[in-house]
PDB file of all heavy atoms in Angstrom:
ATOM      1  N   ALA A   1     -58.427 143.615  55.036  1.00  0.00           N
ATOM      2  CA  ALA A   1     -57.737 143.051  56.204  1.00  0.00           C
ATOM      3  C   ALA A   1     -56.320 143.612  56.338  1.00  0.00           C
ATOM      4  O   ALA A   1     -55.825 143.782  57.448  1.00  0.00           O
ATOM      5  CB  ALA A   1     -57.691 141.536  56.111  1.00  0.00           C
ATOM      6  N   GLU A   2     -55.681 143.917  55.226  1.00  0.00           N
ATOM      7  CA  GLU A   2     -54.341 144.513  55.254  1.00  0.00           C
ATOM      8  C   GLU A   2     -54.401 145.991  55.606  1.00  0.00           C
ATOM      9  O   GLU A   2     -53.497 146.521  56.244  1.00  0.00           O
ATOM     10  CB  GLU A   2     -53.655 144.343  53.903  1.00  0.00           C
ATOM     11  CG  GLU A   2     -53.340 142.910  53.562  1.00  0.00           C
ATOM     12  CD  GLU A   2     -52.818 142.752  52.149  1.00  0.00           C
ATOM     13  OE1 GLU A   2     -52.774 143.750  51.397  1.00  0.00           O
ATOM     14  OE2 GLU A   2     -52.459 141.633  51.792  1.00  0.00           O
ATOM     15  N   GLU A   3     -55.436 146.654  55.154  1.00  0.00           N
ATOM     16  CA  GLU A   3     -55.586 148.082  55.414  1.00  0.00           C
ATOM     17  C   GLU A   3     -55.933 148.364  56.879  1.00  0.00           C
ATOM     18  O   GLU A   3     -55.571 149.401  57.417  1.00  0.00           O
ATOM     19  CB  GLU A   3     -56.671 148.675  54.503  1.00  0.00           C
ATOM     20  CG  GLU A   3     -56.323 148.643  53.028  1.00  0.00           C
ATOM     21  CD  GLU A   3     -55.186 149.575  52.666  1.00  0.00           C
ATOM     22  OE1 GLU A   3     -55.179 150.734  53.103  1.00  0.00           O
ATOM     23  OE2 GLU A   3     -54.299 149.122  51.918  1.00  0.00           O
ATOM     24  N   PHE A   4     -56.667 147.439  57.507  1.00  0.00           N
ATOM     25  CA  PHE A   4     -57.121 147.626  58.885  1.00  0.00           C
ATOM     26  C   PHE A   4     -56.822 146.393  59.741  1.00  0.00           C
ATOM     27  O   PHE A   4     -57.738 145.765  60.278  1.00  0.00           O
ATOM     28  CB  PHE A   4     -58.635 147.907  58.911  1.00  0.00           C
ATOM     29  CG  PHE A   4     -59.048 149.105  58.109  1.00  0.00           C
ATOM     30  CD1 PHE A   4     -59.726 148.951  56.905  1.00  0.00           C
ATOM     31  CD2 PHE A   4     -58.750 150.387  58.544  1.00  0.00           C
ATOM     32  CE1 PHE A   4     -60.108 150.048  56.157  1.00  0.00           C
ATOM     33  CE2 PHE A   4     -59.129 151.489  57.799  1.00  0.00           C
ATOM     34  CZ  PHE A   4     -59.808 151.320  56.598  1.00  0.00           C
ATOM     35  N   PRO A   5     -55.547 146.042  59.909  1.00  0.00           N
ATOM     36  CA  PRO A   5     -55.232 144.824  60.663  1.00  0.00           C
ATOM     37  C   PRO A   5     -55.696 144.878  62.119  1.00  0.00           C
ATOM     38  O   PRO A   5     -56.002 143.842  62.714  1.00  0.00           O
ATOM     39  CB  PRO A   5     -53.714 144.716  60.561  1.00  0.00           C
ATOM     40  CG  PRO A   5     -53.248 146.095  60.248  1.00  0.00           C
ATOM     41  CD  PRO A   5     -54.353 146.736  59.464  1.00  0.00           C
ATOM     42  N   GLU A   6     -55.802 146.074  62.674  1.00  0.00           N
ATOM     43  CA  GLU A   6     -56.234 146.216  64.065  1.00  0.00           C
ATOM     44  C   GLU A   6     -57.729 145.953  64.240  1.00  0.00           C
ATOM     45  O   GLU A   6     -58.221 145.803  65.355  1.00  0.00           O
ATOM     46  CB  GLU A   6     -55.883 147.615  64.593  1.00  0.00           C
ATOM     47  CG  GLU A   6     -56.685 148.755  63.990  1.00  0.00           C
ATOM     48  CD  GLU A   6     -56.190 149.274  62.635  1.00  0.00           C
ATOM     49  OE1 GLU A   6     -55.456 148.568  61.916  1.00  0.00           O
ATOM     50  OE2 GLU A   6     -56.558 150.406  62.289  1.00  0.00           O
ATOM     51  N   TYR A   7     -58.455 145.862  63.129  1.00  0.00           N
ATOM     52  CA  TYR A   7     -59.897 145.642  63.173  1.00  0.00           C
ATOM     53  C   TYR A   7     -60.309 144.281  62.616  1.00  0.00           C
ATOM     54  O   TYR A   7     -61.463 144.091  62.229  1.00  0.00           O
ATOM     55  CB  TYR A   7     -60.623 146.731  62.371  1.00  0.00           C
ATOM     56  CG  TYR A   7     -60.567 148.104  62.979  1.00  0.00           C
ATOM     57  CD1 TYR A   7     -59.952 149.157  62.306  1.00  0.00           C
ATOM     58  CD2 TYR A   7     -61.155 148.368  64.211  1.00  0.00           C
ATOM     59  CE1 TYR A   7     -59.915 150.432  62.842  1.00  0.00           C
ATOM     60  CE2 TYR A   7     -61.131 149.644  64.750  1.00  0.00           C
ATOM     61  CZ  TYR A   7     -60.500 150.667  64.066  1.00  0.00           C
ATOM     62  OH  TYR A   7     -60.480 151.929  64.597  1.00  0.00           O
ATOM     63  N   THR A   8     -59.392 143.331  62.582  1.00  0.00           N
ATOM     64  CA  THR A   8     -59.682 142.032  61.972  1.00  0.00           C
ATOM     65  C   THR A   8     -60.947 141.397  62.549  1.00  0.00           C
ATOM     66  O   THR A   8     -61.829 140.952  61.798  1.00  0.00           O
ATOM     67  CB  THR A   8     -58.486 141.073  62.134  1.00  0.00           C
ATOM     68  OG1 THR A   8     -57.346 141.682  61.537  1.00  0.00           O
ATOM     69  CG2 THR A   8     -58.746 139.743  61.481  1.00  0.00           C
ATOM     70  N   GLN A   9     -61.054 141.367  63.866  1.00  0.00           N
ATOM     71  CA  GLN A   9     -62.230 140.744  64.480  1.00  0.00           C
ATOM     72  C   GLN A   9     -63.494 141.549  64.210  1.00  0.00           C
ATOM     73  O   GLN A   9     -64.553 140.985  63.921  1.00  0.00           O
ATOM     74  CB  GLN A   9     -62.031 140.558  65.989  1.00  0.00           C
ATOM     75  CG  GLN A   9     -63.120 139.733  66.649  1.00  0.00           C
ATOM     76  CD  GLN A   9     -63.200 138.317  66.084  1.00  0.00           C
ATOM     77  OE1 GLN A   9     -62.189 137.622  65.996  1.00  0.00           O
ATOM     78  NE2 GLN A   9     -64.392 137.882  65.696  1.00  0.00           N
ATOM     79  N   ALA A  10     -63.402 142.863  64.299  1.00  0.00           N
ATOM     80  CA  ALA A  10     -64.569 143.712  64.040  1.00  0.00           C
ATOM     81  C   ALA A  10     -65.044 143.549  62.597  1.00  0.00           C
ATOM     82  O   ALA A  10     -66.252 143.483  62.344  1.00  0.00           O
ATOM     83  CB  ALA A  10     -64.236 145.174  64.327  1.00  0.00           C
ATOM     84  N   ILE A  11     -64.105 143.458  61.655  1.00  0.00           N
ATOM     85  CA  ILE A  11     -64.476 143.254  60.250  1.00  0.00           C
ATOM     86  C   ILE A  11     -65.246 141.943  60.109  1.00  0.00           C
ATOM     87  O   ILE A  11     -66.306 141.900  59.489  1.00  0.00           O
ATOM     88  CB  ILE A  11     -63.227 143.275  59.346  1.00  0.00           C
ATOM     89  CG1 ILE A  11     -62.634 144.681  59.301  1.00  0.00           C
ATOM     90  CG2 ILE A  11     -63.566 142.771  57.941  1.00  0.00           C
ATOM     91  CD1 ILE A  11     -61.244 144.754  58.700  1.00  0.00           C
ATOM     92  N   HIS A  12     -64.709 140.906  60.691  1.00  0.00           N
ATOM     93  CA  HIS A  12     -65.385 139.596  60.628  1.00  0.00           C
ATOM     94  C   HIS A  12     -66.782 139.664  61.253  1.00  0.00           C
ATOM     95  O   HIS A  12     -67.764 139.224  60.638  1.00  0.00           O
ATOM     96  CB  HIS A  12     -64.545 138.531  61.334  1.00  0.00           C
ATOM     97  CG  HIS A  12     -65.254 137.233  61.471  1.00  0.00           C
ATOM     98  ND1 HIS A  12     -65.447 136.374  60.406  1.00  0.00           N
ATOM     99  CD2 HIS A  12     -65.855 136.650  62.535  1.00  0.00           C
ATOM    100  CE1 HIS A  12     -66.118 135.323  60.819  1.00  0.00           C
ATOM    101  NE2 HIS A  12     -66.381 135.460  62.104  1.00  0.00           N
ATOM    102  N   ASP A  13     -66.855 140.219  62.454  1.00  0.00           N
ATOM    103  CA  ASP A  13     -68.140 140.300  63.159  1.00  0.00           C
ATOM    104  C   ASP A  13     -69.164 141.095  62.362  1.00  0.00           C
ATOM    105  O   ASP A  13     -70.320 140.679  62.217  1.00  0.00           O
ATOM    106  CB  ASP A  13     -67.958 140.921  64.543  1.00  0.00           C
ATOM    107  CG  ASP A  13     -67.134 140.049  65.482  1.00  0.00           C
ATOM    108  OD1 ASP A  13     -66.893 138.857  65.171  1.00  0.00           O
ATOM    109  OD2 ASP A  13     -66.702 140.582  66.525  1.00  0.00           O
ATOM    110  N   LEU A  14     -68.745 142.238  61.844  1.00  0.00           N
ATOM    111  CA  LEU A  14     -69.667 143.083  61.090  1.00  0.00           C
ATOM    112  C   LEU A  14     -70.095 142.437  59.775  1.00  0.00           C
ATOM    113  O   LEU A  14     -71.258 142.551  59.377  1.00  0.00           O
ATOM    114  CB  LEU A  14     -69.038 144.451  60.823  1.00  0.00           C
ATOM    115  CG  LEU A  14     -69.056 145.403  62.002  1.00  0.00           C
ATOM    116  CD1 LEU A  14     -68.115 146.582  61.763  1.00  0.00           C
ATOM    117  CD2 LEU A  14     -70.471 145.898  62.264  1.00  0.00           C
ATOM    118  N   LYS A  15     -69.181 141.771  59.104  1.00  0.00           N
ATOM    119  CA  LYS A  15     -69.551 141.097  57.857  1.00  0.00           C
ATOM    120  C   LYS A  15     -70.595 140.013  58.107  1.00  0.00           C
ATOM    121  O   LYS A  15     -71.436 139.752  57.254  1.00  0.00           O
ATOM    122  CB  LYS A  15     -68.314 140.500  57.186  1.00  0.00           C
ATOM    123  CG  LYS A  15     -67.470 141.547  56.471  1.00  0.00           C
ATOM    124  CD  LYS A  15     -66.155 141.016  55.961  1.00  0.00           C
ATOM    125  CE  LYS A  15     -66.287 139.902  54.986  1.00  0.00           C
ATOM    126  NZ  LYS A  15     -64.978 139.473  54.447  1.00  0.00           N
ATOM    127  N   MET A  16     -70.554 139.414  59.283  1.00  0.00           N
ATOM    128  CA  MET A  16     -71.493 138.348  59.619  1.00  0.00           C
ATOM    129  C   MET A  16     -72.830 138.883  60.121  1.00  0.00           C
ATOM    130  O   MET A  16     -73.860 138.225  59.967  1.00  0.00           O
ATOM    131  CB  MET A  16     -70.888 137.422  60.680  1.00  0.00           C
ATOM    132  CG  MET A  16     -69.599 136.748  60.255  1.00  0.00           C
ATOM    133  SD  MET A  16     -69.724 135.798  58.729  1.00  0.00           S
ATOM    134  CE  MET A  16     -70.710 134.437  59.276  1.00  0.00           C
ATOM    135  N   SER A  17     -72.826 140.081  60.714  1.00  0.00           N
ATOM    136  CA  SER A  17     -74.035 140.561  61.380  1.00  0.00           C
ATOM    137  C   SER A  17     -74.666 141.811  60.778  1.00  0.00           C
ATOM    138  O   SER A  17     -75.794 142.152  61.122  1.00  0.00           O
ATOM    139  CB  SER A  17     -73.721 140.851  62.856  1.00  0.00           C
ATOM    140  OG  SER A  17     -72.804 141.931  62.956  1.00  0.00           O
ATOM    141  N   ASP A  18     -73.969 142.489  59.888  1.00  0.00           N
ATOM    142  CA  ASP A  18     -74.445 143.781  59.387  1.00  0.00           C
ATOM    143  C   ASP A  18     -74.423 143.765  57.854  1.00  0.00           C
ATOM    144  O   ASP A  18     -73.361 143.853  57.239  1.00  0.00           O
ATOM    145  CB  ASP A  18     -73.540 144.883  59.939  1.00  0.00           C
ATOM    146  CG  ASP A  18     -74.033 146.274  59.634  1.00  0.00           C
ATOM    147  OD1 ASP A  18     -74.386 146.540  58.468  1.00  0.00           O
ATOM    148  OD2 ASP A  18     -74.026 147.110  60.551  1.00  0.00           O
ATOM    149  N   THR A  19     -75.591 143.657  57.259  1.00  0.00           N
ATOM    150  CA  THR A  19     -75.699 143.561  55.806  1.00  0.00           C
ATOM    151  C   THR A  19     -75.125 144.791  55.108  1.00  0.00           C
ATOM    152  O   THR A  19     -74.449 144.664  54.082  1.00  0.00           O
ATOM    153  CB  THR A  19     -77.170 143.355  55.390  1.00  0.00           C
ATOM    154  OG1 THR A  19     -77.679 142.215  56.068  1.00  0.00           O
ATOM    155  CG2 THR A  19     -77.305 143.162  53.899  1.00  0.00           C
ATOM    156  N   TYR A  20     -75.383 145.967  55.655  1.00  0.00           N
ATOM    157  CA  TYR A  20     -74.865 147.189  55.041  1.00  0.00           C
ATOM    158  C   TYR A  20     -73.341 147.148  54.998  1.00  0.00           C
ATOM    159  O   TYR A  20     -72.723 147.421  53.967  1.00  0.00           O
ATOM    160  CB  TYR A  20     -75.346 148.432  55.800  1.00  0.00           C
ATOM    161  CG  TYR A  20     -74.792 149.704  55.205  1.00  0.00           C
ATOM    162  CD1 TYR A  20     -75.377 150.265  54.073  1.00  0.00           C
ATOM    163  CD2 TYR A  20     -73.682 150.335  55.760  1.00  0.00           C
ATOM    164  CE1 TYR A  20     -74.866 151.424  53.505  1.00  0.00           C
ATOM    165  CE2 TYR A  20     -73.164 151.492  55.199  1.00  0.00           C
ATOM    166  CZ  TYR A  20     -73.759 152.034  54.073  1.00  0.00           C
ATOM    167  OH  TYR A  20     -73.251 153.171  53.508  1.00  0.00           O
ATOM    168  N   PHE A  21     -72.717 146.806  56.113  1.00  0.00           N
ATOM    169  CA  PHE A  21     -71.262 146.741  56.170  1.00  0.00           C
ATOM    170  C   PHE A  21     -70.735 145.660  55.228  1.00  0.00           C
ATOM    171  O   PHE A  21     -69.758 145.882  54.506  1.00  0.00           O
ATOM    172  CB  PHE A  21     -70.770 146.477  57.595  1.00  0.00           C
ATOM    173  CG  PHE A  21     -69.275 146.459  57.710  1.00  0.00           C
ATOM    174  CD1 PHE A  21     -68.565 147.638  57.790  1.00  0.00           C
ATOM    175  CD2 PHE A  21     -68.574 145.259  57.727  1.00  0.00           C
ATOM    176  CE1 PHE A  21     -67.179 147.634  57.888  1.00  0.00           C
ATOM    177  CE2 PHE A  21     -67.190 145.239  57.824  1.00  0.00           C
ATOM    178  CZ  PHE A  21     -66.490 146.431  57.904  1.00  0.00           C
ATOM    179  N   ALA A  22     -71.366 144.508  55.216  1.00  0.00           N
ATOM    180  CA  ALA A  22     -70.938 143.424  54.326  1.00  0.00           C
ATOM    181  C   ALA A  22     -70.990 143.870  52.864  1.00  0.00           C
ATOM    182  O   ALA A  22     -70.071 143.591  52.086  1.00  0.00           O
ATOM    183  CB  ALA A  22     -71.803 142.188  54.540  1.00  0.00           C
ATOM    184  N   ASN A  23     -72.045 144.588  52.493  1.00  0.00           N
ATOM    185  CA  ASN A  23     -72.156 145.094  51.121  1.00  0.00           C
ATOM    186  C   ASN A  23     -71.102 146.160  50.832  1.00  0.00           C
ATOM    187  O   ASN A  23     -70.571 146.225  49.724  1.00  0.00           O
ATOM    188  CB  ASN A  23     -73.554 145.642  50.862  1.00  0.00           C
ATOM    189  CG  ASN A  23     -74.589 144.552  50.789  1.00  0.00           C
ATOM    190  OD1 ASN A  23     -74.290 143.407  50.460  1.00  0.00           O
ATOM    191  ND2 ASN A  23     -75.833 144.893  51.105  1.00  0.00           N
ATOM    192  N   LEU A  24     -70.810 146.979  51.814  1.00  0.00           N
ATOM    193  CA  LEU A  24     -69.775 148.006  51.677  1.00  0.00           C
ATOM    194  C   LEU A  24     -68.414 147.361  51.422  1.00  0.00           C
ATOM    195  O   LEU A  24     -67.682 147.768  50.511  1.00  0.00           O
ATOM    196  CB  LEU A  24     -69.747 148.849  52.954  1.00  0.00           C
ATOM    197  CG  LEU A  24     -69.027 150.165  52.964  1.00  0.00           C
ATOM    198  CD1 LEU A  24     -69.621 151.129  51.954  1.00  0.00           C
ATOM    199  CD2 LEU A  24     -69.106 150.764  54.367  1.00  0.00           C
ATOM    200  N   VAL A  25     -68.084 146.353  52.202  1.00  0.00           N
ATOM    201  CA  VAL A  25     -66.809 145.652  52.035  1.00  0.00           C
ATOM    202  C   VAL A  25     -66.769 144.933  50.693  1.00  0.00           C
ATOM    203  O   VAL A  25     -65.735 144.939  50.012  1.00  0.00           O
ATOM    204  CB  VAL A  25     -66.560 144.676  53.207  1.00  0.00           C
ATOM    205  CG1 VAL A  25     -65.382 143.763  52.922  1.00  0.00           C
ATOM    206  CG2 VAL A  25     -66.330 145.457  54.492  1.00  0.00           C
ATOM    207  N   GLU A  26     -67.866 144.347  50.288  1.00  0.00           N
ATOM    208  CA  GLU A  26     -67.917 143.655  48.991  1.00  0.00           C
ATOM    209  C   GLU A  26     -67.719 144.643  47.843  1.00  0.00           C
ATOM    210  O   GLU A  26     -66.998 144.358  46.881  1.00  0.00           O
ATOM    211  CB  GLU A  26     -69.242 142.913  48.834  1.00  0.00           C
ATOM    212  CG  GLU A  26     -69.321 142.069  47.592  1.00  0.00           C
ATOM    213  CD  GLU A  26     -68.326 140.921  47.549  1.00  0.00           C
ATOM    214  OE1 GLU A  26     -67.907 140.429  48.617  1.00  0.00           O
ATOM    215  OE2 GLU A  26     -67.946 140.507  46.434  1.00  0.00           O
ATOM    216  N   ALA A  27     -68.336 145.818  47.941  1.00  0.00           N
ATOM    217  CA  ALA A  27     -68.157 146.846  46.912  1.00  0.00           C
ATOM    218  C   ALA A  27     -66.695 147.287  46.851  1.00  0.00           C
ATOM    219  O   ALA A  27     -66.132 147.456  45.763  1.00  0.00           O
ATOM    220  CB  ALA A  27     -69.066 148.042  47.194  1.00  0.00           C
ATOM    221  N   TYR A  28     -66.075 147.470  48.020  1.00  0.00           N
ATOM    222  CA  TYR A  28     -64.664 147.832  48.071  1.00  0.00           C
ATOM    223  C   TYR A  28     -63.819 146.728  47.430  1.00  0.00           C
ATOM    224  O   TYR A  28     -62.939 146.998  46.610  1.00  0.00           O
ATOM    225  CB  TYR A  28     -64.214 148.060  49.513  1.00  0.00           C
ATOM    226  CG  TYR A  28     -62.744 148.382  49.626  1.00  0.00           C
ATOM    227  CD1 TYR A  28     -62.300 149.696  49.595  1.00  0.00           C
ATOM    228  CD2 TYR A  28     -61.802 147.367  49.738  1.00  0.00           C
ATOM    229  CE1 TYR A  28     -60.950 149.991  49.675  1.00  0.00           C
ATOM    230  CE2 TYR A  28     -60.449 147.654  49.817  1.00  0.00           C
ATOM    231  CZ  TYR A  28     -60.026 148.968  49.789  1.00  0.00           C
ATOM    232  OH  TYR A  28     -58.679 149.250  49.853  1.00  0.00           O
ATOM    233  N   HIS A  29     -64.086 145.493  47.804  1.00  0.00           N
ATOM    234  CA  HIS A  29     -63.330 144.357  47.286  1.00  0.00           C
ATOM    235  C   HIS A  29     -63.430 144.289  45.757  1.00  0.00           C
ATOM    236  O   HIS A  29     -62.415 144.146  45.066  1.00  0.00           O
ATOM    237  CB  HIS A  29     -63.859 143.067  47.919  1.00  0.00           C
ATOM    238  CG  HIS A  29     -63.237 141.831  47.386  1.00  0.00           C
ATOM    239  ND1 HIS A  29     -61.970 141.420  47.732  1.00  0.00           N
ATOM    240  CD2 HIS A  29     -63.700 140.911  46.519  1.00  0.00           C
ATOM    241  CE1 HIS A  29     -61.685 140.310  47.091  1.00  0.00           C
ATOM    242  NE2 HIS A  29     -62.717 139.976  46.360  1.00  0.00           N
ATOM    243  N   ASP A  30     -64.634 144.408  45.227  1.00  0.00           N
ATOM    244  CA  ASP A  30     -64.834 144.355  43.783  1.00  0.00           C
ATOM    245  C   ASP A  30     -64.090 145.488  43.078  1.00  0.00           C
ATOM    246  O   ASP A  30     -63.411 145.263  42.070  1.00  0.00           O
ATOM    247  CB  ASP A  30     -66.318 144.418  43.437  1.00  0.00           C
ATOM    248  CG  ASP A  30     -67.077 143.160  43.825  1.00  0.00           C
ATOM    249  OD1 ASP A  30     -66.434 142.111  44.101  1.00  0.00           O
ATOM    250  OD2 ASP A  30     -68.325 143.230  43.878  1.00  0.00           O
ATOM    251  N   LEU A  31     -64.229 146.689  43.611  1.00  0.00           N
ATOM    252  CA  LEU A  31     -63.551 147.842  43.013  1.00  0.00           C
ATOM    253  C   LEU A  31     -62.037 147.704  43.121  1.00  0.00           C
ATOM    254  O   LEU A  31     -61.299 148.005  42.178  1.00  0.00           O
ATOM    255  CB  LEU A  31     -64.021 149.135  43.680  1.00  0.00           C
ATOM    256  CG  LEU A  31     -63.433 150.427  43.126  1.00  0.00           C
ATOM    257  CD1 LEU A  31     -63.715 150.577  41.634  1.00  0.00           C
ATOM    258  CD2 LEU A  31     -63.981 151.618  43.899  1.00  0.00           C
ATOM    259  N   ASN A  32     -61.553 147.231  44.245  1.00  0.00           N
ATOM    260  CA  ASN A  32     -60.124 147.047  44.433  1.00  0.00           C
ATOM    261  C   ASN A  32     -59.569 146.060  43.405  1.00  0.00           C
ATOM    262  O   ASN A  32     -58.488 146.282  42.845  1.00  0.00           O
ATOM    263  CB  ASN A  32     -59.838 146.578  45.862  1.00  0.00           C
ATOM    264  CG  ASN A  32     -58.378 146.608  46.191  1.00  0.00           C
ATOM    265  OD1 ASN A  32     -57.693 147.602  45.935  1.00  0.00           O
ATOM    266  ND2 ASN A  32     -57.876 145.540  46.757  1.00  0.00           N
ATOM    267  N   ARG A  33     -60.282 144.983  43.160  1.00  0.00           N
ATOM    268  CA  ARG A  33     -59.850 144.011  42.142  1.00  0.00           C
ATOM    269  C   ARG A  33     -59.852 144.640  40.753  1.00  0.00           C
ATOM    270  O   ARG A  33     -58.954 144.396  39.957  1.00  0.00           O
ATOM    271  CB  ARG A  33     -60.757 142.768  42.166  1.00  0.00           C
ATOM    272  CG  ARG A  33     -60.665 141.961  43.434  1.00  0.00           C
ATOM    273  CD  ARG A  33     -59.341 141.252  43.504  1.00  0.00           C
ATOM    274  NE  ARG A  33     -59.150 140.687  44.830  1.00  0.00           N
ATOM    275  CZ  ARG A  33     -58.596 139.522  45.064  1.00  0.00           C
ATOM    276  NH1 ARG A  33     -58.160 138.793  44.072  1.00  0.00           N
ATOM    277  NH2 ARG A  33     -58.431 139.103  46.289  1.00  0.00           N
ATOM    278  N   GLN A  34     -60.849 145.437  40.446  1.00  0.00           N
ATOM    279  CA  GLN A  34     -60.894 146.120  39.151  1.00  0.00           C
ATOM    280  C   GLN A  34     -59.683 147.033  38.985  1.00  0.00           C
ATOM    281  O   GLN A  34     -59.053 147.055  37.924  1.00  0.00           O
ATOM    282  CB  GLN A  34     -62.180 146.939  39.020  1.00  0.00           C
ATOM    283  CG  GLN A  34     -63.426 146.138  38.853  1.00  0.00           C
ATOM    284  CD  GLN A  34     -64.673 147.024  38.891  1.00  0.00           C
ATOM    285  OE1 GLN A  34     -64.589 148.249  38.948  1.00  0.00           O
ATOM    286  NE2 GLN A  34     -65.836 146.390  38.881  1.00  0.00           N
ATOM    287  N   ILE A  35     -59.371 147.781  40.032  1.00  0.00           N
ATOM    288  CA  ILE A  35     -58.225 148.694  39.975  1.00  0.00           C
ATOM    289  C   ILE A  35     -56.934 147.911  39.792  1.00  0.00           C
ATOM    290  O   ILE A  35     -56.059 148.305  39.005  1.00  0.00           O
ATOM    291  CB  ILE A  35     -58.170 149.587  41.236  1.00  0.00           C
ATOM    292  CG1 ILE A  35     -59.353 150.551  41.239  1.00  0.00           C
ATOM    293  CG2 ILE A  35     -56.843 150.336  41.316  1.00  0.00           C
ATOM    294  CD1 ILE A  35     -59.562 151.287  42.547  1.00  0.00           C
ATOM    295  N   HIS A  36     -56.811 146.805  40.477  1.00  0.00           N
ATOM    296  CA  HIS A  36     -55.607 145.982  40.325  1.00  0.00           C
ATOM    297  C   HIS A  36     -55.466 145.509  38.875  1.00  0.00           C
ATOM    298  O   HIS A  36     -54.362 145.544  38.313  1.00  0.00           O
ATOM    299  CB  HIS A  36     -55.661 144.790  41.275  1.00  0.00           C
ATOM    300  CG  HIS A  36     -54.457 143.916  41.204  1.00  0.00           C
ATOM    301  ND1 HIS A  36     -53.198 144.353  41.552  1.00  0.00           N
ATOM    302  CD2 HIS A  36     -54.310 142.634  40.812  1.00  0.00           C
ATOM    303  CE1 HIS A  36     -52.335 143.374  41.391  1.00  0.00           C
ATOM    304  NE2 HIS A  36     -52.984 142.317  40.932  1.00  0.00           N
ATOM    305  N   ARG A  37     -56.574 145.108  38.257  1.00  0.00           N
ATOM    306  CA  ARG A  37     -56.518 144.698  36.850  1.00  0.00           C
ATOM    307  C   ARG A  37     -56.150 145.871  35.953  1.00  0.00           C
ATOM    308  O   ARG A  37     -55.427 145.704  34.971  1.00  0.00           O
ATOM    309  CB  ARG A  37     -57.843 144.059  36.435  1.00  0.00           C
ATOM    310  CG  ARG A  37     -58.058 142.689  37.072  1.00  0.00           C
ATOM    311  CD  ARG A  37     -59.232 141.939  36.475  1.00  0.00           C
ATOM    312  NE  ARG A  37     -60.486 142.659  36.568  1.00  0.00           N
ATOM    313  CZ  ARG A  37     -61.338 142.573  37.587  1.00  0.00           C
ATOM    314  NH1 ARG A  37     -61.061 141.808  38.627  1.00  0.00           N
ATOM    315  NH2 ARG A  37     -62.461 143.252  37.575  1.00  0.00           N
ATOM    316  N   MET A  38     -56.618 147.062  36.296  1.00  0.00           N
ATOM    317  CA  MET A  38     -56.242 148.257  35.529  1.00  0.00           C
ATOM    318  C   MET A  38     -54.742 148.531  35.676  1.00  0.00           C
ATOM    319  O   MET A  38     -54.057 148.802  34.682  1.00  0.00           O
ATOM    320  CB  MET A  38     -57.024 149.479  36.029  1.00  0.00           C
ATOM    321  CG  MET A  38     -58.490 149.474  35.748  1.00  0.00           C
ATOM    322  SD  MET A  38     -59.259 150.934  36.532  1.00  0.00           S
ATOM    323  CE  MET A  38     -60.962 150.419  36.585  1.00  0.00           C
ATOM    324  N   GLU A  39     -54.256 148.488  36.903  1.00  0.00           N
ATOM    325  CA  GLU A  39     -52.851 148.803  37.170  1.00  0.00           C
ATOM    326  C   GLU A  39     -51.899 147.807  36.520  1.00  0.00           C
ATOM    327  O   GLU A  39     -50.799 148.180  36.113  1.00  0.00           O
ATOM    328  CB  GLU A  39     -52.591 148.834  38.681  1.00  0.00           C
ATOM    329  CG  GLU A  39     -53.268 149.977  39.379  1.00  0.00           C
ATOM    330  CD  GLU A  39     -53.195 149.885  40.897  1.00  0.00           C
ATOM    331  OE1 GLU A  39     -52.933 148.795  41.439  1.00  0.00           O
ATOM    332  OE2 GLU A  39     -53.411 150.933  41.533  1.00  0.00           O
TER     333      GLU A  39
END
């Protein structure tokens, strides 16, 4: 949401309606948290 503030609604809509996109965002979220723990 911070990386793409101009797409807030599209992110929400896609997460609710598109399984592939929802999984993509979840993978990013998980990896991002791992990197934060590394850093």
